[in-house]
């Protein structure tokens, strides 16, 4: 494990630091743009699907990815549905209460995804084993499901608040 960390490229460390700081901002109440909120899950979904298509075994990985999406969505629903949201000060924004869940998911997913990428790069044929492919599919699906349903819940609350005003 120490070799993985010591061989880490500088750009990965920079990405980790900036992403961590960005994720910390979700721990506090903040105003979120609805457009930006809806773009993020799409980006995760595109990168996740491209990553899985490169692994092979599309049917099995696709099913595991969908299972991960369902689990991630269930987690997001339990966390974000009971929260109270309010309209933002600017048009097209909503004030979202702080949550540690985004930060925790990032801290779990980033090192795990980096480890899988490292294992793939170090493999002689640059291929992952079936268990790692399935773990990649479930974890990617979970993150996509979590952020997609989170965005949908916040968007639906935004629409409800817009109707009331």
Protein backbone atom coordinates (compact mmCIF):
# COMPACT_ATOMS: atom_id res chain seq x y z
CA UNK A 1 0.00 0.00 0.00
CA UNK A 2 2.90 2.35 0.72
CA UNK A 3 4.18 1.79 -2.82
CA UNK A 4 0.82 2.90 -4.22
CA UNK A 5 0.98 6.16 -2.27
CA UNK A 6 4.66 6.89 -2.95
CA UNK A 7 4.22 6.34 -6.70
CA UNK A 8 1.22 8.67 -6.82
CA UNK A 9 1.61 11.33 -9.55
CA UNK A 10 1.49 14.99 -8.53
CA UNK A 11 -1.66 15.65 -10.56
CA UNK A 12 -3.52 13.00 -8.54
CA UNK A 13 -2.46 14.63 -5.27
CA UNK A 14 -3.57 18.05 -6.57
CA UNK A 15 -6.90 16.59 -7.71
CA UNK A 16 -7.33 14.90 -4.33
CA UNK A 17 -6.65 18.11 -2.40
CA UNK A 18 -8.96 20.31 -4.49
CA UNK A 19 -11.71 17.67 -4.55
CA UNK A 20 -11.44 17.23 -0.79
CA UNK A 21 -11.75 20.97 -0.22
CA UNK A 22 -14.75 21.11 -2.56
CA UNK A 23 -16.39 18.17 -0.76
CA UNK A 24 -15.80 19.82 2.62
CA UNK A 25 -17.94 22.73 1.39
CA UNK A 26 -20.91 20.32 1.29
CA UNK A 27 -20.63 19.88 5.05
CA UNK A 28 -22.04 23.38 5.53
CA UNK A 29 -25.23 25.09 4.45
CA UNK A 30 -24.75 26.47 0.95
CA UNK A 31 -26.59 27.89 -2.00
CA UNK A 32 -26.53 25.57 -5.02
CA UNK A 33 -27.27 26.36 -8.66
CA UNK A 34 -29.90 24.01 -10.06
CA UNK A 35 -28.16 23.84 -13.45
CA UNK A 36 -24.84 22.85 -11.86
CA UNK A 37 -26.65 20.41 -9.59
CA UNK A 38 -28.11 18.58 -12.58
CA UNK A 39 -24.85 18.51 -14.59
CA UNK A 40 -22.72 16.73 -11.96
CA UNK A 41 -24.59 13.37 -11.99
CA UNK A 42 -24.49 13.35 -15.78
CA UNK A 43 -20.71 13.73 -15.68
CA UNK A 44 -20.38 10.93 -13.13
CA UNK A 45 -22.64 8.73 -15.24
CA UNK A 46 -20.69 9.31 -18.47
CA UNK A 47 -17.30 8.61 -16.87
CA UNK A 48 -18.67 5.60 -15.01
CA UNK A 49 -20.18 4.00 -18.10
CA UNK A 50 -17.08 4.66 -20.22
CA UNK A 51 -14.92 3.12 -17.51
CA UNK A 52 -17.10 0.02 -17.34
CA UNK A 53 -17.29 -0.42 -21.10
CA UNK A 54 -13.49 -0.67 -21.17
CA UNK A 55 -13.52 -3.61 -18.76
CA UNK A 56 -15.48 -6.16 -20.77
CA UNK A 57 -18.26 -8.44 -19.50
CA UNK A 58 -20.78 -5.70 -20.26
CA UNK A 59 -23.88 -7.62 -19.17
CA UNK A 60 -22.59 -8.66 -15.74
CA UNK A 61 -20.92 -5.32 -15.02
CA UNK A 62 -24.01 -3.49 -16.24
CA UNK A 63 -26.24 -5.45 -13.88
CA UNK A 64 -23.85 -4.88 -10.97
CA UNK A 65 -23.68 -1.19 -11.89
CA UNK A 66 -27.50 -0.99 -11.81
CA UNK A 67 -27.55 -2.76 -8.44
CA UNK A 68 -25.04 -0.20 -7.17
CA UNK A 69 -27.23 2.61 -8.54
CA UNK A 70 -30.23 1.26 -6.64
CA UNK A 71 -28.28 0.98 -3.38
CA UNK A 72 -26.76 4.46 -3.84
CA UNK A 73 -30.21 5.86 -4.58
CA UNK A 74 -31.68 4.26 -1.46
CA UNK A 75 -28.91 5.76 0.66
CA UNK A 76 -29.44 9.20 -0.91
CA UNK A 77 -33.18 8.99 -0.35
CA UNK A 78 -32.75 8.16 3.33
CA UNK A 79 -30.27 10.99 3.83
CA UNK A 80 -31.73 13.80 1.72
CA UNK A 81 -35.52 13.30 1.77
CA UNK A 82 -36.11 14.39 5.39
CA UNK A 83 -33.93 17.51 5.11
CA UNK A 84 -35.37 21.01 4.93
CA UNK A 85 -34.53 23.13 1.91
CA UNK A 86 -35.20 26.81 1.25
CA UNK A 87 -35.13 28.99 -1.85
CA UNK A 88 -31.80 30.57 -2.69
CA UNK A 89 -31.21 34.32 -2.78
CA UNK A 90 -30.59 34.27 -6.54
CA UNK A 91 -32.96 32.93 -9.17
CA UNK A 92 -32.26 29.30 -10.10
CA UNK A 93 -30.68 28.43 -6.74
CA UNK A 94 -31.70 26.54 -3.64
CA UNK A 95 -30.19 26.61 -0.17
CA UNK A 96 -29.10 23.11 0.81
CA UNK A 97 -28.37 22.12 4.42
CA UNK A 98 -24.91 20.79 5.12
CA UNK A 99 -24.24 17.07 5.10
CA UNK A 100 -21.17 14.98 5.77
CA UNK A 101 -22.38 12.21 3.46
CA UNK A 102 -20.89 13.72 0.27
CA UNK A 103 -17.51 14.12 1.98
CA UNK A 104 -17.60 10.59 3.42
CA UNK A 105 -18.55 9.02 0.08
CA UNK A 106 -15.74 10.94 -1.59
CA UNK A 107 -13.22 9.77 1.04
CA UNK A 108 -14.30 6.18 0.49
CA UNK A 109 -14.63 6.23 -3.31
CA UNK A 110 -11.54 8.22 -4.37
CA UNK A 111 -8.92 5.97 -2.72
CA UNK A 112 -10.84 2.83 -3.74
CA UNK A 113 -11.06 3.97 -7.37
CA UNK A 114 -7.40 4.99 -7.34
CA UNK A 115 -6.46 1.56 -5.98
CA UNK A 116 -8.42 -0.21 -8.73
CA UNK A 117 -6.78 1.99 -11.37
CA UNK A 118 -3.38 1.27 -9.87
CA UNK A 119 -4.03 -2.48 -9.91
CA UNK A 120 -5.09 -2.26 -13.55
CA UNK A 121 -2.01 -0.25 -14.51
CA UNK A 122 0.31 -2.70 -12.72
CA UNK A 123 -1.26 -5.84 -14.22
CA UNK A 124 0.77 -7.41 -17.01
CA UNK A 125 -2.11 -7.25 -19.49
CA UNK A 126 -3.63 -4.08 -17.95
CA UNK A 127 -6.80 -6.02 -17.16
CA UNK A 128 -8.64 -6.33 -13.88
CA UNK A 129 -9.72 -9.58 -12.28
CA UNK A 130 -13.45 -10.37 -12.32
CA UNK A 131 -13.94 -9.55 -8.60
CA UNK A 132 -12.29 -6.14 -9.06
CA UNK A 133 -14.39 -5.45 -12.15
CA UNK A 134 -17.53 -6.26 -10.17
CA UNK A 135 -16.40 -4.09 -7.25
CA UNK A 136 -15.70 -1.27 -9.70
CA UNK A 137 -19.18 -1.68 -11.20
CA UNK A 138 -20.95 -1.71 -7.83
CA UNK A 139 -18.97 1.23 -6.43
CA UNK A 140 -19.35 3.33 -9.60
CA UNK A 141 -23.05 2.55 -9.75
CA UNK A 142 -23.43 3.40 -6.08
CA UNK A 143 -21.80 6.80 -6.50
CA UNK A 144 -23.84 7.54 -9.64
CA UNK A 145 -27.07 6.43 -7.95
CA UNK A 146 -26.30 8.46 -4.83
CA UNK A 147 -25.52 11.71 -6.64
CA UNK A 148 -28.28 11.28 -9.23
CA UNK A 149 -31.03 10.75 -6.67
CA UNK A 150 -29.56 13.47 -4.44
CA UNK A 151 -29.81 15.89 -7.36
CA UNK A 152 -33.33 14.75 -8.20
CA UNK A 153 -34.52 15.16 -4.60
CA UNK A 154 -33.07 18.66 -4.39
CA UNK A 155 -34.47 19.55 -7.83
CA UNK A 156 -37.94 18.30 -6.85
CA UNK A 157 -37.76 20.38 -3.66
CA UNK A 158 -36.69 23.37 -5.75
CA UNK A 159 -39.73 22.89 -8.01
CA UNK A 160 -42.03 22.60 -4.96
CA UNK A 161 -40.60 25.78 -3.47
CA UNK A 162 -40.93 27.60 -6.81
CA UNK A 163 -44.62 26.64 -7.04
CA UNK A 164 -45.32 27.92 -3.50
CA UNK A 165 -43.88 31.35 -4.26
